[in-house]
Amino acid sequence: MDFDRYQNLHTIIMLRDILRKWWRSELTFATKDGVVLEWSKGQIAPPPNDFCRLSLFSKEGFHRCTSSVRVLHDKFKTSRKLRRSQFHDCHLGFNIVGAPLYINGEYEGMLFVEGFVRQEVSPAESERIKTKIRELNNGATDLERAVERIPLMSVAEVEKISDLLEFGVNEIANYEAELARRDETIQSLSSELSDRYKFENIIGKSGPMLEVFRLLEKVCNSDSTVLINGDSGTGKELVARAIHYNGPRKDKPFVVQNCSAFNDNLLESALFGHTKGSFTGALRDKKGLFEVADNGTFFLDEVGDMSPALQVKLLRVLQEGAFIPVGGTALKEVNVRVIAATHKDLTEMVKKGEFREDLYYRINVIRVQVPPLRDRKDDLPILIDHFFRKHHRDGQRARGLGPDAVAILAGYHWPGNIRELENEIERLLVLGSDLDVIPGDLISSRIKDAVAPTNGAMLSASRTPMALAGKLNDAVESLEREMISQGLTRTRYNKSKLSRELGISRSNLILKIAKYALDRPGVDEDKDEAEVPVT
């Protein structure tokens, strides 16, 4: 137990003051090993009982006082039934009263007060005490006066001291329980955050996403700067959080700032902070986000929108780990891992002189390319299912999308990526909340209008009561098989052309052709057979 932290508890401070003021007594801690905390550190407060002081300041007397305390300690340690205050007579015949401290049912030590008597000291007892103290400390003087100053406690006073000691150990136990609850809450929240941003919770099992996962596994345990590239809505911040919460800084701050959200002056103040009076409205010093993120991770979103002037200050932080607040003169040092993100082509911006080349190479230590949804159409069914479960509310009947709706979504280009898909699913759940299966008619007109007419004709033919029955995955596979079958006929088995039309890789298309047994007997499935006549 860390008894030192109990010294500053408000209850213990008040208890110590009361004992000193009313009874001239010292509150003392003993550990679960029977070691008197203050004495072991040489911090012996002069007791009001002169005999105790003379004993403690001699080698043999110190040993005997410690042994006397240990006898009371052993009583508590050997019997869990002793939960109230107990008394013991020390080697000089003075009283020690202590209360046991239990934390989570385990004995952890005691609080005690020593060096008083509960009745007048007789002349014979007085002589006995003086004889013993001379044996322990041959330099002892003025012992007659010491006898007169021995603290005498009435029965009522001893009961009050016992109650105060019991109150003190209960307060410490409550304090420890509160700390345990707080730690448990923090651990729970930390685990929740870690679970929330595990790699497997980034939805996707397509080839491009598996490549991202493999790279993230290598990146997260390093402190290198990371640049995340990807279109708007692809989940760049989610990837950044996954890197942070799966790395060594997961228990430290994760701070986010979008560089396109503010103008130069406001962004500089947000990043680096400012001093009082540095500009109109700066009424007090303010910490910047780099300082807030110290020892943690700073995610700079849309770093490509940062002005050249701020790019210089950012470069200095990355190179030297130091910056100067707006209006300040003193350098501030920080230890921050920076993860930057942008949807822009920084290489092209460097060529045009719009982005500093030295900063580009400094943030582009490790690059993570997040694929757009149009390049990972294989993930569409599991993404739809995920958002269905995420946004489904009590009272909504909808169990899934009809095959026609799935086909429309599969044929769409998704310029807004994952964010656009999530918004569309949430909208469909609201509009189709009273339906078991949501049809394609409820899909936003901009999506339906953008889907190719050839798909639209096929979808119209599939809108039958039979097509709307069954499980979503079965319906998706049935529709997928039909689209590939018709596409092969339309392209005369040109797999390269069809893979481009469907928005999937050629190798993935070949796997699906084999899965649905759509390959033609006697034809090499790895070759394009544009000249094979279709019968």
Protein backbone atom coordinates (compact mmCIF):
# COMPACT_ATOMS: atom_id res chain seq x y z
CA MET A 1 0.00 0.00 0.00
CA ASP A 2 1.15 3.52 -0.73
CA PHE A 3 0.58 5.01 2.73
CA ASP A 4 2.21 8.28 1.71
CA ARG A 5 -0.81 9.28 -0.36
CA TYR A 6 -3.06 8.91 2.67
CA GLN A 7 -1.16 11.67 4.46
CA ASN A 8 -2.81 14.25 2.21
CA LEU A 9 -6.35 12.95 2.58
CA HIS A 10 -8.52 15.68 4.05
CA THR A 11 -9.93 13.25 6.64
CA ILE A 12 -6.48 12.15 7.84
CA ILE A 13 -5.23 15.74 8.06
CA MET A 14 -8.22 16.70 10.22
CA LEU A 15 -7.88 13.55 12.36
CA ARG A 16 -4.21 14.26 13.03
CA ASP A 17 -4.99 17.88 13.97
CA ILE A 18 -7.78 16.84 16.37
CA LEU A 19 -5.55 14.31 18.16
CA ARG A 20 -2.79 16.87 18.55
CA LYS A 21 -5.09 19.67 19.72
CA TRP A 22 -7.30 17.75 22.15
CA TRP A 23 -4.99 15.01 23.47
CA ARG A 24 -1.45 16.02 22.41
CA SER A 25 -1.20 12.65 20.65
CA GLU A 26 0.34 11.64 17.31
CA LEU A 27 -1.51 9.63 14.65
CA THR A 28 0.81 6.93 13.32
CA PHE A 29 0.63 4.34 10.50
CA ALA A 30 1.87 0.75 10.60
CA THR A 31 2.02 -1.41 7.47
CA LYS A 32 0.71 -4.95 7.04
CA ASP A 33 4.24 -6.14 7.93
CA GLY A 34 4.13 -4.32 11.24
CA VAL A 35 6.59 -1.61 10.15
CA VAL A 36 5.85 1.82 11.63
CA LEU A 37 5.88 4.03 8.57
CA GLU A 38 7.22 7.28 10.03
CA TRP A 39 9.72 5.57 12.32
CA SER A 40 11.20 3.49 9.50
CA LYS A 41 11.94 6.73 7.62
CA GLY A 42 13.48 8.39 10.67
CA GLN A 43 10.56 10.81 10.84
CA ILE A 44 9.88 10.53 14.58
CA ALA A 45 7.67 13.37 15.81
CA PRO A 46 8.59 14.12 19.49
CA PRO A 47 5.80 12.45 21.50
CA PRO A 48 4.06 14.43 24.29
CA ASN A 49 5.10 11.63 26.65
CA ASP A 50 8.74 12.36 27.56
CA PHE A 51 9.41 8.72 28.37
CA CYS A 52 8.32 7.67 24.86
CA ARG A 53 10.61 10.31 23.37
CA LEU A 54 13.60 9.18 25.47
CA SER A 55 12.94 5.55 24.49
CA LEU A 56 12.50 6.17 20.78
CA PHE A 57 15.72 8.19 20.58
CA SER A 58 17.83 5.34 21.97
CA LYS A 59 18.78 2.29 19.93
CA GLU A 60 17.48 -0.36 22.33
CA GLY A 61 14.41 1.71 23.23
CA PHE A 62 13.53 2.14 19.54
CA HIS A 63 13.73 -1.62 19.08
CA ARG A 64 11.44 -2.26 22.07
CA CYS A 65 8.89 0.37 21.00
CA THR A 66 8.76 -1.21 17.56
CA SER A 67 8.29 -4.64 19.11
CA SER A 68 5.41 -3.32 21.27
CA VAL A 69 3.61 -2.00 18.18
CA ARG A 70 4.21 -5.32 16.40
CA VAL A 71 2.44 -7.22 19.20
CA LEU A 72 -0.77 -5.24 18.55
CA HIS A 73 -0.22 -5.66 14.82
CA ASP A 74 0.07 -9.45 15.24
CA LYS A 75 -3.28 -9.52 17.02
CA PHE A 76 -4.96 -7.97 13.98
CA LYS A 77 -3.04 -10.06 11.47
CA THR A 78 -3.85 -13.41 13.10
CA SER A 79 -7.57 -12.76 13.67
CA ARG A 80 -9.83 -11.32 10.97
CA LYS A 81 -12.60 -11.03 13.56
CA LEU A 82 -10.81 -8.09 15.23
CA ARG A 83 -12.25 -5.21 13.20
CA ARG A 84 -12.65 -2.73 16.07
CA SER A 85 -9.99 -0.80 17.99
CA GLN A 86 -7.79 -2.85 20.35
CA PHE A 87 -5.43 -1.98 23.24
CA HIS A 88 -1.97 -3.17 24.22
CA ASP A 89 0.55 -2.14 26.89
CA CYS A 90 3.99 -1.18 25.60
CA HIS A 91 7.31 -2.22 27.18
CA LEU A 92 7.15 0.82 29.52
CA GLY A 93 3.55 0.05 30.53
CA PHE A 94 1.89 2.79 28.49
CA ASN A 95 -1.20 2.15 26.36
CA ILE A 96 -1.29 1.70 22.58
CA VAL A 97 -4.68 1.81 20.86
CA GLY A 98 -4.96 0.86 17.20
CA ALA A 99 -7.62 0.24 14.55
CA PRO A 100 -7.05 -2.30 11.73
CA LEU A 101 -7.16 -1.23 8.09
CA TYR A 102 -8.88 -3.65 5.71
CA ILE A 103 -8.88 -3.11 1.91
CA ASN A 104 -11.04 -5.50 -0.12
CA GLY A 105 -11.20 -7.85 2.85
CA GLU A 106 -7.41 -7.99 3.26
CA TYR A 107 -5.56 -6.66 6.31
CA GLU A 108 -3.21 -3.86 5.17
CA GLY A 109 -1.98 -2.34 8.43
CA MET A 110 -3.30 -0.12 11.21
CA LEU A 111 -3.63 3.41 12.55
CA PHE A 112 -2.58 3.83 16.17
CA VAL A 113 -1.98 6.25 19.01
CA GLU A 114 0.45 5.39 21.82
CA GLY A 115 2.05 6.70 24.99
CA PHE A 116 -0.87 7.41 27.37
CA VAL A 117 -2.31 5.87 30.54
CA ARG A 118 -5.93 5.26 31.52
CA GLN A 119 -5.45 5.74 35.26
CA GLU A 120 -3.18 7.67 37.62
CA VAL A 121 0.39 6.36 37.82
CA SER A 122 1.19 5.09 41.32
CA PRO A 123 4.51 6.00 43.03
CA ALA A 124 5.69 2.39 42.64
CA GLU A 125 4.79 2.36 38.93
CA SER A 126 6.51 5.72 38.54
CA GLU A 127 9.76 4.34 39.96
CA ARG A 128 9.54 1.27 37.72
CA ILE A 129 9.17 3.45 34.60
CA LYS A 130 12.10 5.69 35.61
CA THR A 131 14.32 2.67 36.25
CA LYS A 132 13.51 1.20 32.81
CA ILE A 133 14.16 4.46 30.98
CA ARG A 134 17.56 4.88 32.68
CA GLU A 135 18.50 1.40 31.40
CA LEU A 136 17.57 2.39 27.87
CA ASN A 137 18.89 5.95 27.89
CA ASN A 138 21.52 6.68 30.53
CA GLY A 139 21.44 10.37 29.61
CA ALA A 140 17.83 10.76 30.71
CA THR A 141 17.22 13.72 33.06
CA ASP A 142 14.33 15.56 34.70
CA LEU A 143 12.36 12.34 35.09
CA GLU A 144 10.20 13.67 37.92
CA ARG A 145 8.79 16.29 35.59
CA ALA A 146 8.34 13.62 32.92
CA VAL A 147 6.14 11.64 35.31
CA GLU A 148 3.92 14.67 35.83
CA ARG A 149 3.52 15.09 32.05
CA ILE A 150 2.41 11.54 31.26
CA PRO A 151 -0.87 11.90 29.22
CA LEU A 152 -3.84 10.65 31.22
CA MET A 153 -7.01 9.69 29.28
CA SER A 154 -10.42 9.16 30.83
CA VAL A 155 -12.63 6.29 29.70
CA ALA A 156 -14.73 8.72 27.64
CA GLU A 157 -11.65 10.18 25.96
CA VAL A 158 -10.27 6.75 25.11
CA GLU A 159 -13.59 5.80 23.53
CA LYS A 160 -13.51 8.97 21.43
CA ILE A 161 -9.95 8.23 20.24
CA SER A 162 -10.99 4.65 19.38
CA ASP A 163 -13.96 5.94 17.37
CA LEU A 164 -11.74 8.44 15.53
CA LEU A 165 -9.21 5.76 14.60
CA GLU A 166 -11.97 3.50 13.29
CA PHE A 167 -13.37 6.42 11.34
CA GLY A 168 -9.91 7.04 9.87
CA VAL A 169 -9.38 3.47 8.61
CA ASN A 170 -12.92 3.40 7.17
CA GLU A 171 -12.23 6.61 5.24
CA ILE A 172 -9.03 5.13 3.82
CA ALA A 173 -10.89 1.95 2.83
CA ASN A 174 -13.61 4.05 1.13
CA TYR A 175 -10.93 6.07 -0.65
CA GLU A 176 -9.29 2.89 -1.97
CA ALA A 177 -12.67 1.54 -3.08
CA GLU A 178 -13.36 4.76 -4.96
CA LEU A 179 -9.95 4.58 -6.64
CA ALA A 180 -10.63 0.97 -7.62
CA ARG A 181 -14.00 1.94 -9.13
CA ARG A 182 -12.41 4.80 -11.01
CA ASP A 183 -9.59 2.60 -12.32
CA GLU A 184 -12.14 -0.01 -13.34
CA THR A 185 -14.13 2.64 -15.21
CA ILE A 186 -11.00 3.97 -16.91
CA GLN A 187 -9.94 0.45 -17.83
CA SER A 188 -13.41 -0.31 -19.14
CA LEU A 189 -13.46 2.86 -21.25
CA SER A 190 -9.94 2.18 -22.45
CA SER A 191 -10.90 -1.38 -23.42
CA GLU A 192 -14.04 -0.08 -25.10
CA LEU A 193 -12.03 2.41 -27.13
CA SER A 194 -9.43 -0.21 -27.98
CA ASP A 195 -12.13 -2.70 -29.02
CA ARG A 196 -13.95 -0.05 -31.00
CA TYR A 197 -10.89 0.75 -33.07
CA LYS A 198 -9.42 -2.72 -33.52
CA PHE A 199 -8.45 -3.44 -37.10
CA GLU A 200 -11.12 -6.12 -37.41
CA ASN A 201 -13.74 -3.50 -36.57
CA ILE A 202 -12.84 -1.55 -39.69
CA ILE A 203 -15.39 -3.16 -41.95
CA GLY A 204 -13.93 -4.84 -45.00
CA LYS A 205 -12.58 -8.12 -46.33
CA SER A 206 -11.84 -7.21 -49.93
CA GLY A 207 -8.33 -7.44 -51.36
CA PRO A 208 -7.57 -3.69 -51.11
CA MET A 209 -8.69 -3.60 -47.45
CA LEU A 210 -6.64 -6.66 -46.53
CA GLU A 211 -3.60 -4.84 -47.89
CA VAL A 212 -4.44 -1.89 -45.62
CA PHE A 213 -4.77 -4.19 -42.59
CA ARG A 214 -1.41 -5.82 -43.26
CA LEU A 215 0.25 -2.41 -43.40
CA LEU A 216 -1.49 -1.18 -40.23
CA GLU A 217 -0.22 -4.17 -38.26
CA LYS A 218 3.33 -3.05 -39.03
CA VAL A 219 2.69 0.66 -38.52
CA CYS A 220 0.88 0.77 -35.18
CA ASN A 221 3.81 -0.25 -32.95
CA SER A 222 6.17 2.35 -34.39
CA ASP A 223 6.39 6.08 -33.66
CA SER A 224 6.88 7.03 -37.31
CA THR A 225 4.82 9.76 -38.92
CA VAL A 226 2.02 8.37 -41.09
CA LEU A 227 0.32 9.92 -44.12
CA ILE A 228 -3.16 8.58 -44.87
CA ASN A 229 -4.41 9.19 -48.41
CA GLY A 230 -7.97 8.63 -49.52
CA ASP A 231 -11.07 10.25 -50.92
CA SER A 232 -13.47 12.08 -48.62
CA GLY A 233 -15.66 9.67 -46.70
CA THR A 234 -13.36 6.65 -46.93
CA GLY A 235 -12.71 6.51 -43.17
CA LYS A 236 -9.26 8.10 -42.82
CA GLU A 237 -9.90 9.17 -39.23
CA LEU A 238 -11.06 5.65 -38.33
CA VAL A 239 -7.76 4.30 -39.66
CA ALA A 240 -5.84 6.93 -37.66
CA ARG A 241 -7.68 5.97 -34.47
CA ALA A 242 -6.96 2.29 -35.12
CA ILE A 243 -3.24 3.07 -35.41
CA HIS A 244 -3.32 5.03 -32.12
CA TYR A 245 -5.44 2.64 -30.05
CA ASN A 246 -3.44 -0.40 -31.17
CA GLY A 247 -0.07 1.19 -30.44
CA PRO A 248 2.09 2.06 -27.40
CA ARG A 249 0.41 5.46 -26.95
CA LYS A 250 -3.12 4.06 -26.62
CA ASP A 251 -3.48 5.29 -23.02
CA LYS A 252 -2.41 8.82 -23.99
CA PRO A 253 -4.44 11.57 -25.73
CA PHE A 254 -5.68 11.24 -29.30
CA VAL A 255 -6.27 14.76 -30.63
CA VAL A 256 -7.93 15.65 -33.95
CA GLN A 257 -7.79 18.87 -35.95
CA ASN A 258 -9.15 19.48 -39.45
CA CYS A 259 -6.77 21.91 -41.14
CA SER A 260 -9.47 23.19 -43.50
CA ALA A 261 -11.82 24.20 -40.68
CA PHE A 262 -10.11 27.50 -39.72
CA ASN A 263 -8.34 30.39 -41.38
CA ASP A 264 -4.59 30.77 -40.84
CA ASN A 265 -4.73 32.84 -37.64
CA LEU A 266 -7.27 30.65 -35.90
CA LEU A 267 -5.56 27.43 -37.01
CA GLU A 268 -2.16 28.64 -35.78
CA SER A 269 -3.65 29.50 -32.39
CA ALA A 270 -5.46 26.13 -32.25
CA LEU A 271 -2.31 24.17 -33.09
CA PHE A 272 0.31 26.04 -31.09
CA GLY A 273 -1.66 28.04 -28.52
CA HIS A 274 -1.22 31.71 -27.70
CA THR A 275 -0.16 34.02 -24.90
CA LYS A 276 -2.28 36.62 -23.17
CA GLY A 277 -2.53 39.83 -25.21
CA SER A 278 -1.00 38.33 -28.37
CA PHE A 279 -4.04 39.49 -30.34
CA THR A 280 -7.42 41.10 -29.75
CA GLY A 281 -9.51 38.77 -27.65
CA ALA A 282 -6.54 36.82 -26.22
CA LEU A 283 -7.54 37.44 -22.60
CA ARG A 284 -5.40 34.63 -21.17
CA ASP A 285 -2.79 32.08 -22.13
CA LYS A 286 -4.19 29.13 -24.04
CA LYS A 287 -2.64 25.73 -24.65
CA GLY A 288 -2.35 24.59 -28.24
CA LEU A 289 -3.45 21.15 -29.43
CA PHE A 290 0.16 20.03 -29.83
CA GLU A 291 0.64 20.63 -26.11
CA VAL A 292 -2.65 18.89 -25.32
CA ALA A 293 -1.51 15.88 -27.38
CA ASP A 294 1.86 15.63 -25.59
CA ASN A 295 2.96 11.96 -25.32
CA GLY A 296 -0.05 10.99 -27.45
CA THR A 297 -1.08 11.18 -31.10
CA PHE A 298 -2.10 14.24 -33.12
CA PHE A 299 -4.26 13.54 -36.19
CA LEU A 300 -4.03 16.40 -38.70
CA ASP A 301 -6.87 15.90 -41.17
CA GLU A 302 -6.74 17.57 -44.60
CA VAL A 303 -3.14 18.66 -44.10
CA GLY A 304 -3.04 19.57 -47.80
CA ASP A 305 -5.17 22.64 -47.01
CA MET A 306 -2.54 24.11 -44.66
CA SER A 307 -0.97 27.40 -45.77
CA PRO A 308 2.78 27.63 -46.58
CA ALA A 309 3.40 29.72 -43.44
CA LEU A 310 1.89 27.09 -41.15
CA GLN A 311 3.64 24.33 -43.08
CA VAL A 312 6.95 25.83 -41.90
CA LYS A 313 5.86 25.72 -38.22
CA LEU A 314 4.56 22.19 -38.60
CA LEU A 315 7.87 21.10 -40.12
CA ARG A 316 9.72 22.52 -37.12
CA VAL A 317 7.56 20.58 -34.68
CA LEU A 318 8.12 17.37 -36.63
CA GLN A 319 11.90 17.88 -36.85
CA GLU A 320 12.69 19.39 -33.43
CA GLY A 321 9.66 18.52 -31.28
CA ALA A 322 9.35 22.18 -30.30
CA PHE A 323 7.24 25.24 -31.17
CA ILE A 324 6.59 28.80 -30.03
CA PRO A 325 3.00 29.82 -29.14
CA VAL A 326 1.48 32.81 -30.93
CA GLY A 327 2.84 35.93 -29.23
CA GLY A 328 5.28 33.92 -27.14
CA THR A 329 9.07 33.89 -26.99
CA ALA A 330 9.87 30.65 -25.17
CA LEU A 331 10.10 27.30 -26.91
CA LYS A 332 7.80 24.53 -25.75
CA GLU A 333 8.86 20.93 -26.26
CA VAL A 334 6.42 18.08 -26.95
CA ASN A 335 6.59 14.39 -27.72
CA VAL A 336 3.81 13.79 -30.22
CA ARG A 337 3.23 11.22 -32.93
CA VAL A 338 1.71 12.91 -35.96
CA ILE A 339 -0.69 11.18 -38.32
CA ALA A 340 -1.63 13.35 -41.29
CA ALA A 341 -4.41 12.76 -43.81
CA THR A 342 -5.54 14.32 -47.07
CA HIS A 343 -7.71 13.58 -50.07
CA LYS A 344 -5.42 15.65 -52.30
CA ASP A 345 -2.46 14.50 -54.39
CA LEU A 346 0.42 16.01 -52.39
CA THR A 347 2.96 14.87 -54.99
CA GLU A 348 1.24 17.02 -57.61
CA MET A 349 0.96 19.90 -55.12
CA VAL A 350 4.71 19.72 -54.47
CA LYS A 351 5.37 19.95 -58.23
CA LYS A 352 3.15 23.04 -58.43
CA GLY A 353 4.85 24.63 -55.41
CA GLU A 354 1.66 24.51 -53.34
CA PHE A 355 3.09 22.19 -50.68
CA ARG A 356 6.58 22.21 -49.19
CA GLU A 357 8.70 19.37 -50.50
CA ASP A 358 10.65 18.99 -47.21
CA LEU A 359 7.38 18.76 -45.23
CA TYR A 360 5.99 16.24 -47.73
CA TYR A 361 8.91 13.89 -47.20
CA ARG A 362 8.73 14.44 -43.43
CA ILE A 363 5.07 13.38 -43.14
CA ASN A 364 5.24 10.75 -45.88
CA VAL A 365 7.44 8.36 -43.88
CA ILE A 366 4.75 5.67 -44.04
CA ARG A 367 1.86 6.03 -46.45
CA VAL A 368 -1.49 4.31 -46.07
CA GLN A 369 -3.80 4.45 -49.09
CA VAL A 370 -7.44 3.94 -48.11
CA PRO A 371 -9.33 2.63 -51.15
CA PRO A 372 -12.58 4.28 -52.26
CA LEU A 373 -15.77 2.26 -52.07
CA ARG A 374 -15.91 1.90 -55.86
CA ASP A 375 -12.67 -0.13 -55.68
CA ARG A 376 -13.93 -2.42 -52.91
CA LYS A 377 -17.42 -3.34 -54.08
CA ASP A 378 -16.92 -6.80 -52.54
CA ASP A 379 -17.35 -5.13 -49.15
CA LEU A 380 -20.74 -3.63 -50.06
CA PRO A 381 -22.92 -6.46 -48.62
CA ILE A 382 -21.16 -6.53 -45.24
CA LEU A 383 -21.12 -2.72 -45.07
CA ILE A 384 -24.87 -2.61 -45.75
CA ASP A 385 -25.44 -5.24 -43.06
CA HIS A 386 -23.23 -3.33 -40.60
CA PHE A 387 -25.05 -0.02 -41.10
CA PHE A 388 -28.41 -1.80 -40.94
CA ARG A 389 -27.53 -3.07 -37.47
CA LYS A 390 -25.97 0.22 -36.42
CA HIS A 391 -28.98 2.42 -37.31
CA HIS A 392 -31.83 -0.01 -36.65
CA ARG A 393 -34.16 1.28 -33.94
CA ASP A 394 -36.81 -0.36 -31.82
CA GLY A 395 -40.15 -0.49 -33.63
CA GLN A 396 -38.66 -0.68 -37.13
CA ARG A 397 -39.74 -3.77 -39.05
CA ALA A 398 -37.11 -3.65 -41.79
CA ARG A 399 -34.91 -6.76 -41.89
CA GLY A 400 -32.91 -5.91 -44.98
CA LEU A 401 -32.91 -4.65 -48.55
CA GLY A 402 -34.67 -6.25 -51.47
CA PRO A 403 -32.53 -7.67 -54.30
CA ASP A 404 -33.50 -4.76 -56.56
CA ALA A 405 -32.31 -2.27 -53.92
CA VAL A 406 -29.05 -4.15 -53.46
CA ALA A 407 -28.49 -4.21 -57.22
CA ILE A 408 -28.99 -0.45 -57.49
CA LEU A 409 -26.54 0.17 -54.65
CA ALA A 410 -24.05 -2.25 -56.21
CA GLY A 411 -24.24 -0.42 -59.56
CA TYR A 412 -23.66 3.03 -58.05
CA HIS A 413 -20.23 4.72 -58.19
CA TRP A 414 -20.35 6.08 -54.58
CA PRO A 415 -18.47 9.38 -54.92
CA GLY A 416 -19.17 10.03 -51.23
CA ASN A 417 -17.79 6.61 -50.28
CA ILE A 418 -18.58 4.98 -46.91
CA ARG A 419 -20.11 8.15 -45.47
CA GLU A 420 -22.56 8.42 -48.38
CA LEU A 421 -23.49 4.74 -48.05
CA GLU A 422 -24.13 5.04 -44.31
CA ASN A 423 -26.32 8.10 -44.82
CA GLU A 424 -28.32 6.28 -47.50
CA ILE A 425 -28.88 3.22 -45.31
CA GLU A 426 -29.98 5.39 -42.40
CA ARG A 427 -32.40 7.22 -44.73
CA LEU A 428 -33.81 3.92 -46.04
CA LEU A 429 -34.39 2.65 -42.50
CA VAL A 430 -36.42 5.77 -41.70
CA LEU A 431 -38.47 5.70 -44.90
CA GLY A 432 -38.98 1.92 -44.91
CA SER A 433 -39.41 1.38 -41.19
CA ASP A 434 -42.89 -0.15 -41.66
CA LEU A 435 -41.72 -2.66 -44.31
CA ASP A 436 -40.09 -6.04 -43.78
CA VAL A 437 -37.88 -5.69 -46.85
CA ILE A 438 -36.95 -2.27 -48.27
CA PRO A 439 -37.45 -2.09 -52.08
CA GLY A 440 -35.32 -0.20 -54.57
CA ASP A 441 -38.11 2.37 -55.10
CA LEU A 442 -37.13 4.08 -51.82
CA ILE A 443 -33.51 4.62 -52.82
CA SER A 444 -32.53 8.26 -53.45
CA SER A 445 -33.28 9.40 -56.98
CA ARG A 446 -29.69 10.64 -57.54
CA ILE A 447 -28.46 7.06 -57.00
CA LYS A 448 -31.14 5.44 -59.17
CA ASP A 449 -30.57 7.97 -61.96
CA ALA A 450 -26.82 7.35 -61.89
CA VAL A 451 -27.09 3.56 -62.23
CA ALA A 452 -26.61 2.21 -65.78
CA PRO A 453 -29.82 1.60 -67.78
CA THR A 454 -28.77 -2.02 -68.48
CA ASN A 455 -28.83 -2.74 -64.79
CA GLY A 456 -32.16 -0.98 -64.46
CA ALA A 457 -33.79 -3.26 -67.01
CA MET A 458 -32.51 -6.34 -65.26
CA LEU A 459 -33.70 -5.02 -61.91
CA SER A 460 -37.20 -4.42 -63.17
CA ALA A 461 -37.39 -8.03 -64.22
CA SER A 462 -36.27 -9.19 -60.79
CA ARG A 463 -38.99 -7.38 -58.83
CA THR A 464 -41.20 -10.36 -58.08
CA PRO A 465 -42.60 -11.60 -54.77
CA MET A 466 -40.28 -14.62 -55.02
CA ALA A 467 -37.23 -12.37 -55.46
CA LEU A 468 -38.01 -10.50 -52.26
CA ALA A 469 -38.16 -13.64 -50.15
CA GLY A 470 -35.31 -15.33 -48.28
CA LYS A 471 -32.17 -14.08 -46.57
CA LEU A 472 -30.26 -11.00 -47.68
CA ASN A 473 -26.99 -12.88 -48.39
CA ASP A 474 -28.80 -15.44 -50.55
CA ALA A 475 -30.53 -12.66 -52.48
CA VAL A 476 -27.23 -10.83 -52.98
CA GLU A 477 -25.51 -13.98 -54.26
CA SER A 478 -28.42 -14.73 -56.61
CA LEU A 479 -28.32 -11.22 -58.00
CA GLU A 480 -24.52 -11.29 -58.27
CA ARG A 481 -24.66 -14.54 -60.23
CA GLU A 482 -27.29 -13.11 -62.58
CA MET A 483 -25.31 -9.90 -63.18
CA ILE A 484 -22.12 -11.82 -63.95
CA SER A 485 -23.94 -14.30 -66.20
CA GLN A 486 -25.60 -11.55 -68.22
CA GLY A 487 -22.34 -9.57 -68.30
CA LEU A 488 -20.43 -12.52 -69.72
CA THR A 489 -23.02 -12.90 -72.45
CA ARG A 490 -23.00 -9.17 -73.19
CA THR A 491 -19.17 -8.92 -73.35
CA ARG A 492 -18.74 -12.25 -75.18
CA TYR A 493 -16.78 -13.59 -72.16
CA ASN A 494 -14.28 -10.72 -72.16
CA LYS A 495 -13.42 -10.85 -68.44
CA SER A 496 -11.19 -7.79 -68.49
CA LYS A 497 -13.99 -5.64 -69.90
CA LEU A 498 -16.61 -7.09 -67.56
CA SER A 499 -14.43 -6.62 -64.47
CA ARG A 500 -14.11 -2.93 -65.35
CA GLU A 501 -17.87 -2.62 -65.81
CA LEU A 502 -18.59 -4.31 -62.48
CA GLY A 503 -15.91 -2.36 -60.61
CA ILE A 504 -14.02 -5.43 -59.36
CA SER A 505 -10.62 -6.90 -60.13
CA ARG A 506 -10.25 -9.40 -62.97
CA SER A 507 -8.88 -12.07 -60.61
CA ASN A 508 -11.85 -11.59 -58.31
CA LEU A 509 -14.23 -11.93 -61.25
CA ILE A 510 -12.58 -15.22 -62.27
CA LEU A 511 -13.06 -16.54 -58.73
CA LYS A 512 -16.75 -15.60 -58.81
CA ILE A 513 -17.19 -17.23 -62.23
CA ALA A 514 -15.76 -20.45 -60.79
CA LYS A 515 -17.91 -20.12 -57.65
CA TYR A 516 -21.13 -19.85 -59.64
CA ALA A 517 -19.98 -22.39 -62.28
CA LEU A 518 -20.35 -19.86 -65.10
CA ASP A 519 -17.14 -20.78 -66.93
CA ARG A 520 -17.55 -22.38 -70.33
CA PRO A 521 -16.37 -26.02 -70.85
CA GLY A 522 -13.21 -26.28 -72.91
CA VAL A 523 -12.32 -22.59 -72.47
CA ASP A 524 -9.32 -21.43 -70.40
CA GLU A 525 -10.96 -19.34 -67.67
CA ASP A 526 -7.85 -17.15 -67.29
CA LYS A 527 -8.09 -15.90 -70.88
CA ASP A 528 -10.45 -13.43 -72.49
CA GLU A 529 -12.57 -15.17 -75.13
CA ALA A 530 -13.98 -12.18 -76.99
CA GLU A 531 -14.06 -14.14 -80.25
CA VAL A 532 -15.84 -17.25 -78.92
CA PRO A 533 -19.32 -17.36 -80.43
CA VAL A 534 -22.07 -17.26 -77.87
CA THR A 535 -24.90 -19.70 -78.50
